[in-house]
Amino acid sequence: MTKIKQDLLEMVEATMIPEVEAYIEDLHKIIEKKEQTDDTMNEVREMESFLVELQNIIYAVNENKIDDEQAQEIYEKIEKLIEEHSEEK
Protein backbone atom coordinates (compact mmCIF):
# COMPACT_ATOMS: atom_id res chain seq x y z
CA MET A 1 0.00 0.00 0.00
CA THR A 2 1.30 3.45 -0.87
CA LYS A 3 2.09 6.09 1.72
CA ILE A 4 -0.82 8.36 0.73
CA LYS A 5 -3.28 5.49 1.12
CA GLN A 6 -1.79 4.59 4.50
CA ASP A 7 -1.98 8.24 5.57
CA LEU A 8 -5.59 8.46 4.39
CA LEU A 9 -6.55 5.29 6.26
CA GLU A 10 -4.87 6.51 9.42
CA MET A 11 -6.59 9.90 9.22
CA VAL A 12 -10.00 8.34 8.67
CA GLU A 13 -9.67 5.54 11.22
CA ALA A 14 -7.80 7.38 13.98
CA THR A 15 -9.22 10.88 13.68
CA MET A 16 -12.36 11.26 11.62
CA ILE A 17 -14.41 8.22 12.59
CA PRO A 18 -13.87 8.60 16.36
CA GLU A 19 -14.73 12.32 16.19
CA VAL A 20 -17.85 11.74 14.09
CA GLU A 21 -19.00 8.90 16.36
CA ALA A 22 -18.47 11.07 19.45
CA TYR A 23 -20.44 13.90 17.88
CA ILE A 24 -23.28 11.56 16.93
CA GLU A 25 -23.29 10.27 20.50
CA ASP A 26 -23.57 13.84 21.81
CA LEU A 27 -26.48 14.49 19.45
CA HIS A 28 -28.21 11.32 20.65
CA LYS A 29 -27.85 12.51 24.26
CA ILE A 30 -29.64 15.72 23.29
CA ILE A 31 -32.41 13.65 21.71
CA GLU A 32 -32.66 11.40 24.81
CA LYS A 33 -33.23 14.51 26.92
CA LYS A 34 -35.93 15.54 24.42
CA GLU A 35 -34.11 18.82 23.80
CA GLN A 36 -33.65 18.30 20.08
CA THR A 37 -34.65 20.69 17.33
CA ASP A 38 -35.19 20.02 13.65
CA ASP A 39 -31.58 21.09 13.15
CA THR A 40 -30.43 18.44 15.63
CA MET A 41 -32.30 15.75 13.74
CA ASN A 42 -30.87 16.91 10.41
CA GLU A 43 -27.40 16.98 11.91
CA VAL A 44 -27.77 13.37 13.10
CA ARG A 45 -28.77 12.26 9.60
CA GLU A 46 -25.90 14.18 8.00
CA MET A 47 -23.32 12.85 10.45
CA GLU A 48 -24.54 9.26 10.09
CA SER A 49 -24.32 9.65 6.32
CA PHE A 50 -20.82 11.11 6.65
CA LEU A 51 -19.82 8.16 8.85
CA VAL A 52 -20.94 5.76 6.11
CA GLU A 53 -18.87 7.74 3.59
CA LEU A 54 -15.82 7.44 5.83
CA GLN A 55 -16.38 3.69 6.14
CA ASN A 56 -16.66 3.51 2.35
CA ILE A 57 -13.30 5.25 2.05
CA ILE A 58 -11.73 2.59 4.26
CA TYR A 59 -13.31 -0.14 2.15
CA ALA A 60 -12.19 1.49 -1.10
CA VAL A 61 -8.59 1.81 0.09
CA ASN A 62 -8.44 -1.72 1.50
CA GLU A 63 -9.97 -3.20 -1.66
CA ASN A 64 -7.69 -1.09 -3.87
CA LYS A 65 -10.70 0.57 -5.51
CA ILE A 66 -9.09 4.02 -5.57
CA ASP A 67 -5.77 5.10 -6.99
CA ASP A 68 -3.15 7.31 -5.36
CA GLU A 69 -4.47 10.44 -7.06
CA GLN A 70 -7.98 9.87 -5.70
CA ALA A 71 -6.55 9.06 -2.27
CA GLN A 72 -4.58 12.33 -2.34
CA GLU A 73 -7.72 14.32 -3.27
CA ILE A 74 -9.75 12.74 -0.48
CA TYR A 75 -6.91 13.28 2.00
CA GLU A 76 -6.69 16.96 1.10
CA LYS A 77 -10.47 17.42 1.38
CA ILE A 78 -10.51 15.83 4.82
CA GLU A 79 -7.50 17.91 5.86
CA LYS A 80 -9.41 21.03 4.78
CA LEU A 81 -12.49 19.92 6.75
CA ILE A 82 -10.36 19.46 9.87
CA GLU A 83 -8.75 22.85 9.35
CA GLU A 84 -12.13 24.58 8.91
CA HIS A 85 -13.50 22.84 11.98
CA SER A 86 -10.49 23.93 14.03
CA GLU A 87 -11.00 27.55 12.98
CA GLU A 88 -14.64 27.46 14.11
CA LYS A 89 -13.68 26.56 17.67
PDB file of N, CA and C in Angstrom:
ATOM      1  N   MET A   1       0.859  -1.181   0.000  1.00  0.00           N
ATOM      2  CA  MET A   1       0.000   0.000   0.000  1.00  0.00           C
ATOM      3  C   MET A   1       0.903   1.242   0.000  1.00  0.00           C
ATOM      4  N   THR A   2       0.497   2.228  -0.766  1.00  0.00           N
ATOM      5  CA  THR A   2       1.296   3.446  -0.872  1.00  0.00           C
ATOM      6  C   THR A   2       1.150   4.304   0.379  1.00  0.00           C
ATOM      7  N   LYS A   3       2.085   5.221   0.538  1.00  0.00           N
ATOM      8  CA  LYS A   3       2.092   6.089   1.718  1.00  0.00           C
ATOM      9  C   LYS A   3       0.826   6.937   1.804  1.00  0.00           C
ATOM     10  N   ILE A   4       0.382   7.506   0.688  1.00  0.00           N
ATOM     11  CA  ILE A   4      -0.819   8.364   0.731  1.00  0.00           C
ATOM     12  C   ILE A   4      -2.036   7.558   1.165  1.00  0.00           C
ATOM     13  N   LYS A   5      -2.137   6.323   0.710  1.00  0.00           N
ATOM     14  CA  LYS A   5      -3.281   5.494   1.119  1.00  0.00           C
ATOM     15  C   LYS A   5      -3.187   5.141   2.599  1.00  0.00           C
ATOM     16  N   GLN A   6      -1.972   4.868   3.080  1.00  0.00           N
ATOM     17  CA  GLN A   6      -1.788   4.586   4.502  1.00  0.00           C
ATOM     18  C   GLN A   6      -2.134   5.824   5.337  1.00  0.00           C
ATOM     19  N   ASP A   7      -1.677   6.992   4.870  1.00  0.00           N
ATOM     20  CA  ASP A   7      -1.981   8.245   5.574  1.00  0.00           C
ATOM     21  C   ASP A   7      -3.481   8.504   5.602  1.00  0.00           C
ATOM     22  N   LEU A   8      -4.137   8.262   4.477  1.00  0.00           N
ATOM     23  CA  LEU A   8      -5.587   8.457   4.395  1.00  0.00           C
ATOM     24  C   LEU A   8      -6.307   7.518   5.362  1.00  0.00           C
ATOM     25  N   LEU A   9      -5.926   6.249   5.341  1.00  0.00           N
ATOM     26  CA  LEU A   9      -6.545   5.286   6.260  1.00  0.00           C
ATOM     27  C   LEU A   9      -6.358   5.706   7.710  1.00  0.00           C
ATOM     28  N   GLU A  10      -5.149   6.107   8.043  1.00  0.00           N
ATOM     29  CA  GLU A  10      -4.869   6.509   9.421  1.00  0.00           C
ATOM     30  C   GLU A  10      -5.712   7.722   9.823  1.00  0.00           C
ATOM     31  N   MET A  11      -5.806   8.706   8.920  1.00  0.00           N
ATOM     32  CA  MET A  11      -6.587   9.899   9.222  1.00  0.00           C
ATOM     33  C   MET A  11      -8.059   9.548   9.441  1.00  0.00           C
ATOM     34  N   VAL A  12      -8.588   8.704   8.573  1.00  0.00           N
ATOM     35  CA  VAL A  12     -10.004   8.341   8.665  1.00  0.00           C
ATOM     36  C   VAL A  12     -10.264   7.494   9.908  1.00  0.00           C
ATOM     37  N   GLU A  13      -9.431   6.470  10.117  1.00  0.00           N
ATOM     38  CA  GLU A  13      -9.671   5.538  11.225  1.00  0.00           C
ATOM     39  C   GLU A  13      -9.341   6.132  12.592  1.00  0.00           C
ATOM     40  N   ALA A  14      -8.263   6.902  12.673  1.00  0.00           N
ATOM     41  CA  ALA A  14      -7.804   7.383  13.976  1.00  0.00           C
ATOM     42  C   ALA A  14      -8.392   8.734  14.371  1.00  0.00           C
ATOM     43  N   THR A  15      -8.751   9.535  13.384  1.00  0.00           N
ATOM     44  CA  THR A  15      -9.224  10.883  13.684  1.00  0.00           C
ATOM     45  C   THR A  15     -10.690  11.073  13.345  1.00  0.00           C
ATOM     46  N   MET A  16     -11.019  10.895  12.091  1.00  0.00           N
ATOM     47  CA  MET A  16     -12.357  11.262  11.621  1.00  0.00           C
ATOM     48  C   MET A  16     -13.469  10.392  12.212  1.00  0.00           C
ATOM     49  N   ILE A  17     -13.335   9.098  12.102  1.00  0.00           N
ATOM     50  CA  ILE A  17     -14.412   8.223  12.585  1.00  0.00           C
ATOM     51  C   ILE A  17     -14.648   8.395  14.090  1.00  0.00           C
ATOM     52  N   PRO A  18     -13.603   8.387  14.918  1.00  0.00           N
ATOM     53  CA  PRO A  18     -13.874   8.600  16.363  1.00  0.00           C
ATOM     54  C   PRO A  18     -14.544   9.944  16.652  1.00  0.00           C
ATOM     55  N   GLU A  19     -14.122  10.999  15.957  1.00  0.00           N
ATOM     56  CA  GLU A  19     -14.734  12.316  16.192  1.00  0.00           C
ATOM     57  C   GLU A  19     -16.196  12.344  15.745  1.00  0.00           C
ATOM     58  N   VAL A  20     -16.476  11.764  14.588  1.00  0.00           N
ATOM     59  CA  VAL A  20     -17.852  11.742  14.090  1.00  0.00           C
ATOM     60  C   VAL A  20     -18.728  10.900  15.016  1.00  0.00           C
ATOM     61  N   GLU A  21     -18.221   9.752  15.455  1.00  0.00           N
ATOM     62  CA  GLU A  21     -18.997   8.903  16.359  1.00  0.00           C
ATOM     63  C   GLU A  21     -19.268   9.619  17.687  1.00  0.00           C
ATOM     64  N   ALA A  22     -18.281  10.331  18.192  1.00  0.00           N
ATOM     65  CA  ALA A  22     -18.469  11.067  19.451  1.00  0.00           C
ATOM     66  C   ALA A  22     -19.515  12.160  19.277  1.00  0.00           C
ATOM     67  N   TYR A  23     -19.468  12.836  18.150  1.00  0.00           N
ATOM     68  CA  TYR A  23     -20.441  13.903  17.885  1.00  0.00           C
ATOM     69  C   TYR A  23     -21.854  13.330  17.753  1.00  0.00           C
ATOM     70  N   ILE A  24     -21.981  12.206  17.051  1.00  0.00           N
ATOM     71  CA  ILE A  24     -23.284  11.556  16.925  1.00  0.00           C
ATOM     72  C   ILE A  24     -23.799  11.158  18.303  1.00  0.00           C
ATOM     73  N   GLU A  25     -22.909  10.648  19.132  1.00  0.00           N
ATOM     74  CA  GLU A  25     -23.290  10.269  20.504  1.00  0.00           C
ATOM     75  C   GLU A  25     -23.807  11.479  21.282  1.00  0.00           C
ATOM     76  N   ASP A  26     -23.117  12.603  21.149  1.00  0.00           N
ATOM     77  CA  ASP A  26     -23.565  13.836  21.809  1.00  0.00           C
ATOM     78  C   ASP A  26     -24.955  14.250  21.316  1.00  0.00           C
ATOM     79  N   LEU A  27     -25.170  14.143  20.022  1.00  0.00           N
ATOM     80  CA  LEU A  27     -26.480  14.489  19.449  1.00  0.00           C
ATOM     81  C   LEU A  27     -27.565  13.556  19.991  1.00  0.00           C
ATOM     82  N   HIS A  28     -27.233  12.272  20.122  1.00  0.00           N
ATOM     83  CA  HIS A  28     -28.209  11.318  20.655  1.00  0.00           C
ATOM     84  C   HIS A  28     -28.550  11.626  22.122  1.00  0.00           C
ATOM     85  N   LYS A  29     -27.581  12.126  22.868  1.00  0.00           N
ATOM     86  CA  LYS A  29     -27.853  12.510  24.257  1.00  0.00           C
ATOM     87  C   LYS A  29     -28.840  13.672  24.308  1.00  0.00           C
ATOM     88  N   ILE A  30     -28.695  14.600  23.377  1.00  0.00           N
ATOM     89  CA  ILE A  30     -29.639  15.724  23.286  1.00  0.00           C
ATOM     90  C   ILE A  30     -31.039  15.197  22.992  1.00  0.00           C
ATOM     91  N   ILE A  31     -31.113  14.232  22.077  1.00  0.00           N
ATOM     92  CA  ILE A  31     -32.409  13.645  21.710  1.00  0.00           C
ATOM     93  C   ILE A  31     -33.009  12.896  22.900  1.00  0.00           C
ATOM     94  N   GLU A  32     -32.182  12.145  23.636  1.00  0.00           N
ATOM     95  CA  GLU A  32     -32.664  11.405  24.807  1.00  0.00           C
ATOM     96  C   GLU A  32     -33.278  12.336  25.850  1.00  0.00           C
ATOM     97  N   LYS A  33     -32.714  13.533  25.966  1.00  0.00           N
ATOM     98  CA  LYS A  33     -33.234  14.512  26.917  1.00  0.00           C
ATOM     99  C   LYS A  33     -34.447  15.252  26.357  1.00  0.00           C
ATOM    100  N   LYS A  34     -34.801  14.908  25.129  1.00  0.00           N
ATOM    101  CA  LYS A  34     -35.925  15.536  24.421  1.00  0.00           C
ATOM    102  C   LYS A  34     -35.708  17.039  24.246  1.00  0.00           C
ATOM    103  N   GLU A  35     -34.462  17.417  24.007  1.00  0.00           N
ATOM    104  CA  GLU A  35     -34.108  18.821  23.803  1.00  0.00           C
ATOM    105  C   GLU A  35     -33.749  19.104  22.342  1.00  0.00           C
ATOM    106  N   GLN A  36     -34.053  18.154  21.466  1.00  0.00           N
ATOM    107  CA  GLN A  36     -33.653  18.299  20.080  1.00  0.00           C
ATOM    108  C   GLN A  36     -34.518  19.307  19.321  1.00  0.00           C
ATOM    109  N   THR A  37     -33.932  19.827  18.264  1.00  0.00           N
ATOM    110  CA  THR A  37     -34.646  20.690  17.335  1.00  0.00           C
ATOM    111  C   THR A  37     -34.621  19.991  15.973  1.00  0.00           C
ATOM    112  N   ASP A  38     -35.258  20.580  15.009  1.00  0.00           N
ATOM    113  CA  ASP A  38     -35.190  20.022  13.653  1.00  0.00           C
ATOM    114  C   ASP A  38     -33.743  20.001  13.167  1.00  0.00           C
ATOM    115  N   ASP A  39     -32.993  21.037  13.533  1.00  0.00           N
ATOM    116  CA  ASP A  39     -31.576  21.092  13.154  1.00  0.00           C
ATOM    117  C   ASP A  39     -30.800  19.919  13.748  1.00  0.00           C
ATOM    118  N   THR A  40     -31.113  19.569  14.978  1.00  0.00           N
ATOM    119  CA  THR A  40     -30.431  18.444  15.626  1.00  0.00           C
ATOM    120  C   THR A  40     -30.694  17.160  14.850  1.00  0.00           C
ATOM    121  N   MET A  41     -31.932  16.965  14.472  1.00  0.00           N
ATOM    122  CA  MET A  41     -32.298  15.753  13.740  1.00  0.00           C
ATOM    123  C   MET A  41     -31.610  15.707  12.370  1.00  0.00           C
ATOM    124  N   ASN A  42     -31.562  16.845  11.697  1.00  0.00           N
ATOM    125  CA  ASN A  42     -30.875  16.912  10.406  1.00  0.00           C
ATOM    126  C   ASN A  42     -29.384  16.632  10.569  1.00  0.00           C
ATOM    127  N   GLU A  43     -28.830  17.168  11.619  1.00  0.00           N
ATOM    128  CA  GLU A  43     -27.402  16.978  11.906  1.00  0.00           C
ATOM    129  C   GLU A  43     -27.095  15.499  12.137  1.00  0.00           C
ATOM    130  N   VAL A  44     -27.964  14.803  12.857  1.00  0.00           N
ATOM    131  CA  VAL A  44     -27.765  13.373  13.097  1.00  0.00           C
ATOM    132  C   VAL A  44     -27.745  12.633  11.761  1.00  0.00           C
ATOM    133  N   ARG A  45     -28.707  12.922  10.907  1.00  0.00           N
ATOM    134  CA  ARG A  45     -28.770  12.256   9.598  1.00  0.00           C
ATOM    135  C   ARG A  45     -27.515  12.543   8.776  1.00  0.00           C
ATOM    136  N   GLU A  46     -27.096  13.802   8.772  1.00  0.00           N
ATOM    137  CA  GLU A  46     -25.902  14.183   8.002  1.00  0.00           C
ATOM    138  C   GLU A  46     -24.654  13.495   8.545  1.00  0.00           C
ATOM    139  N   MET A  47     -24.509  13.455   9.849  1.00  0.00           N
ATOM    140  CA  MET A  47     -23.318  12.846  10.449  1.00  0.00           C
ATOM    141  C   MET A  47     -23.304  11.332  10.244  1.00  0.00           C
ATOM    142  N   GLU A  48     -24.475  10.707  10.325  1.00  0.00           N
ATOM    143  CA  GLU A  48     -24.541   9.264  10.085  1.00  0.00           C
ATOM    144  C   GLU A  48     -24.210   8.954   8.627  1.00  0.00           C
ATOM    145  N   SER A  49     -24.654   9.807   7.730  1.00  0.00           N
ATOM    146  CA  SER A  49     -24.322   9.650   6.318  1.00  0.00           C
ATOM    147  C   SER A  49     -22.819   9.849   6.090  1.00  0.00           C
ATOM    148  N   PHE A  50     -22.245  10.841   6.753  1.00  0.00           N
ATOM    149  CA  PHE A  50     -20.816  11.108   6.649  1.00  0.00           C
ATOM    150  C   PHE A  50     -20.012   9.928   7.191  1.00  0.00           C
ATOM    151  N   LEU A  51     -20.484   9.328   8.275  1.00  0.00           N
ATOM    152  CA  LEU A  51     -19.819   8.164   8.847  1.00  0.00           C
ATOM    153  C   LEU A  51     -19.788   7.011   7.837  1.00  0.00           C
ATOM    154  N   VAL A  52     -20.890   6.807   7.143  1.00  0.00           N
ATOM    155  CA  VAL A  52     -20.936   5.765   6.106  1.00  0.00           C
ATOM    156  C   VAL A  52     -19.931   6.087   4.993  1.00  0.00           C
ATOM    157  N   GLU A  53     -19.843   7.344   4.608  1.00  0.00           N
ATOM    158  CA  GLU A  53     -18.875   7.741   3.590  1.00  0.00           C
ATOM    159  C   GLU A  53     -17.445   7.438   4.052  1.00  0.00           C
ATOM    160  N   LEU A  54     -17.151   7.725   5.299  1.00  0.00           N
ATOM    161  CA  LEU A  54     -15.822   7.436   5.833  1.00  0.00           C
ATOM    162  C   LEU A  54     -15.542   5.935   5.816  1.00  0.00           C
ATOM    163  N   GLN A  55     -16.546   5.147   6.178  1.00  0.00           N
ATOM    164  CA  GLN A  55     -16.381   3.691   6.142  1.00  0.00           C
ATOM    165  C   GLN A  55     -16.184   3.204   4.712  1.00  0.00           C
ATOM    166  N   ASN A  56     -16.844   3.858   3.759  1.00  0.00           N
ATOM    167  CA  ASN A  56     -16.665   3.509   2.350  1.00  0.00           C
ATOM    168  C   ASN A  56     -15.253   3.834   1.869  1.00  0.00           C
ATOM    169  N   ILE A  57     -14.676   4.905   2.396  1.00  0.00           N
ATOM    170  CA  ILE A  57     -13.296   5.252   2.046  1.00  0.00           C
ATOM    171  C   ILE A  57     -12.361   4.144   2.517  1.00  0.00           C
ATOM    172  N   ILE A  58     -12.553   3.685   3.732  1.00  0.00           N
ATOM    173  CA  ILE A  58     -11.726   2.592   4.261  1.00  0.00           C
ATOM    174  C   ILE A  58     -11.852   1.369   3.360  1.00  0.00           C
ATOM    175  N   TYR A  59     -13.077   1.023   3.020  1.00  0.00           N
ATOM    176  CA  TYR A  59     -13.314  -0.136   2.151  1.00  0.00           C
ATOM    177  C   TYR A  59     -12.612   0.047   0.805  1.00  0.00           C
ATOM    178  N   ALA A  60     -12.770   1.233   0.214  1.00  0.00           N
ATOM    179  CA  ALA A  60     -12.187   1.490  -1.101  1.00  0.00           C
ATOM    180  C   ALA A  60     -10.664   1.391  -1.072  1.00  0.00           C
ATOM    181  N   VAL A  61     -10.055   1.898  -0.022  1.00  0.00           N
ATOM    182  CA  VAL A  61      -8.594   1.812   0.089  1.00  0.00           C
ATOM    183  C   VAL A  61      -8.177   0.359   0.288  1.00  0.00           C
ATOM    184  N   ASN A  62      -8.818  -0.331   1.211  1.00  0.00           N
ATOM    185  CA  ASN A  62      -8.444  -1.722   1.502  1.00  0.00           C
ATOM    186  C   ASN A  62      -8.667  -2.656   0.318  1.00  0.00           C
ATOM    187  N   GLU A  63      -9.664  -2.358  -0.489  1.00  0.00           N
ATOM    188  CA  GLU A  63      -9.968  -3.198  -1.656  1.00  0.00           C
ATOM    189  C   GLU A  63      -9.288  -2.682  -2.922  1.00  0.00           C
ATOM    190  N   ASN A  64      -8.431  -1.672  -2.752  1.00  0.00           N
ATOM    191  CA  ASN A  64      -7.688  -1.086  -3.873  1.00  0.00           C
ATOM    192  C   ASN A  64      -8.617  -0.579  -4.977  1.00  0.00           C
ATOM    193  N   LYS A  65      -9.710   0.045  -4.566  1.00  0.00           N
ATOM    194  CA  LYS A  65     -10.703   0.569  -5.513  1.00  0.00           C
ATOM    195  C   LYS A  65     -10.438   2.029  -5.873  1.00  0.00           C
ATOM    196  N   ILE A  66      -9.463   2.654  -5.211  1.00  0.00           N
ATOM    197  CA  ILE A  66      -9.089   4.022  -5.567  1.00  0.00           C
ATOM    198  C   ILE A  66      -7.587   4.065  -5.827  1.00  0.00           C
ATOM    199  N   ASP A  67      -7.195   4.970  -6.706  1.00  0.00           N
ATOM    200  CA  ASP A  67      -5.767   5.103  -6.990  1.00  0.00           C
ATOM    201  C   ASP A  67      -5.157   6.178  -6.088  1.00  0.00           C
ATOM    202  N   ASP A  68      -3.855   6.360  -6.229  1.00  0.00           N
ATOM    203  CA  ASP A  68      -3.150   7.315  -5.365  1.00  0.00           C
ATOM    204  C   ASP A  68      -3.651   8.743  -5.553  1.00  0.00           C
ATOM    205  N   GLU A  69      -3.981   9.081  -6.786  1.00  0.00           N
ATOM    206  CA  GLU A  69      -4.469  10.441  -7.062  1.00  0.00           C
ATOM    207  C   GLU A  69      -5.792  10.695  -6.335  1.00  0.00           C
ATOM    208  N   GLN A  70      -6.696   9.737  -6.401  1.00  0.00           N
ATOM    209  CA  GLN A  70      -7.975   9.871  -5.699  1.00  0.00           C
ATOM    210  C   GLN A  70      -7.754   9.913  -4.185  1.00  0.00           C
ATOM    211  N   ALA A  71      -6.852   9.082  -3.701  1.00  0.00           N
ATOM    212  CA  ALA A  71      -6.547   9.062  -2.268  1.00  0.00           C
ATOM    213  C   ALA A  71      -6.007  10.421  -1.832  1.00  0.00           C
ATOM    214  N   GLN A  72      -5.151  11.013  -2.651  1.00  0.00           N
ATOM    215  CA  GLN A  72      -4.578  12.327  -2.343  1.00  0.00           C
ATOM    216  C   GLN A  72      -5.680  13.387  -2.282  1.00  0.00           C
ATOM    217  N   GLU A  73      -6.609  13.359  -3.244  1.00  0.00           N
ATOM    218  CA  GLU A  73      -7.717  14.319  -3.272  1.00  0.00           C
ATOM    219  C   GLU A  73      -8.576  14.198  -2.017  1.00  0.00           C
ATOM    220  N   ILE A  74      -8.917  12.976  -1.660  1.00  0.00           N
ATOM    221  CA  ILE A  74      -9.752  12.744  -0.480  1.00  0.00           C
ATOM    222  C   ILE A  74      -9.012  13.201   0.775  1.00  0.00           C
ATOM    223  N   TYR A  75      -7.731  12.880   0.847  1.00  0.00           N
ATOM    224  CA  TYR A  75      -6.910  13.277   1.996  1.00  0.00           C
ATOM    225  C   TYR A  75      -6.921  14.795   2.150  1.00  0.00           C
ATOM    226  N   GLU A  76      -6.723  15.499   1.052  1.00  0.00           N
ATOM    227  CA  GLU A  76      -6.691  16.962   1.096  1.00  0.00           C
ATOM    228  C   GLU A  76      -8.048  17.540   1.492  1.00  0.00           C
ATOM    229  N   LYS A  77      -9.132  16.945   1.009  1.00  0.00           N
ATOM    230  CA  LYS A  77     -10.472  17.419   1.383  1.00  0.00           C
ATOM    231  C   LYS A  77     -10.717  17.230   2.873  1.00  0.00           C
ATOM    232  N   ILE A  78     -10.318  16.083   3.392  1.00  0.00           N
ATOM    233  CA  ILE A  78     -10.508  15.828   4.821  1.00  0.00           C
ATOM    234  C   ILE A  78      -9.636  16.767   5.639  1.00  0.00           C
ATOM    235  N   GLU A  79      -8.404  16.979   5.187  1.00  0.00           N
ATOM    236  CA  GLU A  79      -7.505  17.912   5.861  1.00  0.00           C
ATOM    237  C   GLU A  79      -8.136  19.305   5.935  1.00  0.00           C
ATOM    238  N   LYS A  80      -8.748  19.724   4.834  1.00  0.00           N
ATOM    239  CA  LYS A  80      -9.405  21.032   4.778  1.00  0.00           C
ATOM    240  C   LYS A  80     -10.588  21.080   5.749  1.00  0.00           C
ATOM    241  N   LEU A  81     -11.373  20.002   5.809  1.00  0.00           N
ATOM    242  CA  LEU A  81     -12.490  19.924   6.755  1.00  0.00           C
ATOM    243  C   LEU A  81     -11.998  20.078   8.191  1.00  0.00           C
ATOM    244  N   ILE A  82     -10.916  19.387   8.521  1.00  0.00           N
ATOM    245  CA  ILE A  82     -10.357  19.456   9.868  1.00  0.00           C
ATOM    246  C   ILE A  82      -9.904  20.876  10.158  1.00  0.00           C
ATOM    247  N   GLU A  83      -9.244  21.480   9.188  1.00  0.00           N
ATOM    248  CA  GLU A  83      -8.747  22.847   9.346  1.00  0.00           C
ATOM    249  C   GLU A  83      -9.909  23.815   9.573  1.00  0.00           C
ATOM    250  N   GLU A  84     -10.962  23.702   8.766  1.00  0.00           N
ATOM    251  CA  GLU A  84     -12.126  24.583   8.909  1.00  0.00           C
ATOM    252  C   GLU A  84     -12.786  24.380  10.260  1.00  0.00           C
ATOM    253  N   HIS A  85     -12.881  23.145  10.696  1.00  0.00           N
ATOM    254  CA  HIS A  85     -13.499  22.836  11.979  1.00  0.00           C
ATOM    255  C   HIS A  85     -12.688  23.427  13.130  1.00  0.00           C
ATOM    256  N   SER A  86     -11.370  23.370  13.001  1.00  0.00           N
ATOM    257  CA  SER A  86     -10.485  23.928  14.031  1.00  0.00           C
ATOM    258  C   SER A  86     -10.646  25.436  14.131  1.00  0.00           C
ATOM    259  N   GLU A  87     -10.838  26.092  12.996  1.00  0.00           N
ATOM    260  CA  GLU A  87     -11.002  27.545  12.984  1.00  0.00           C
ATOM    261  C   GLU A  87     -12.305  27.982  13.619  1.00  0.00           C
ATOM    262  N   GLU A  88     -13.333  27.132  13.536  1.00  0.00           N
ATOM    263  CA  GLU A  88     -14.642  27.456  14.109  1.00  0.00           C
ATOM    264  C   GLU A  88     -14.610  27.461  15.620  1.00  0.00           C
ATOM    265  N   LYS A  89     -13.722  26.694  16.209  1.00  0.00           N
ATOM    266  CA  LYS A  89     -13.683  26.558  17.665  1.00  0.00           C
ATOM    267  C   LYS A  89     -13.040  27.739  18.327  1.00  0.00           C
TER     268      LYS A  89
END
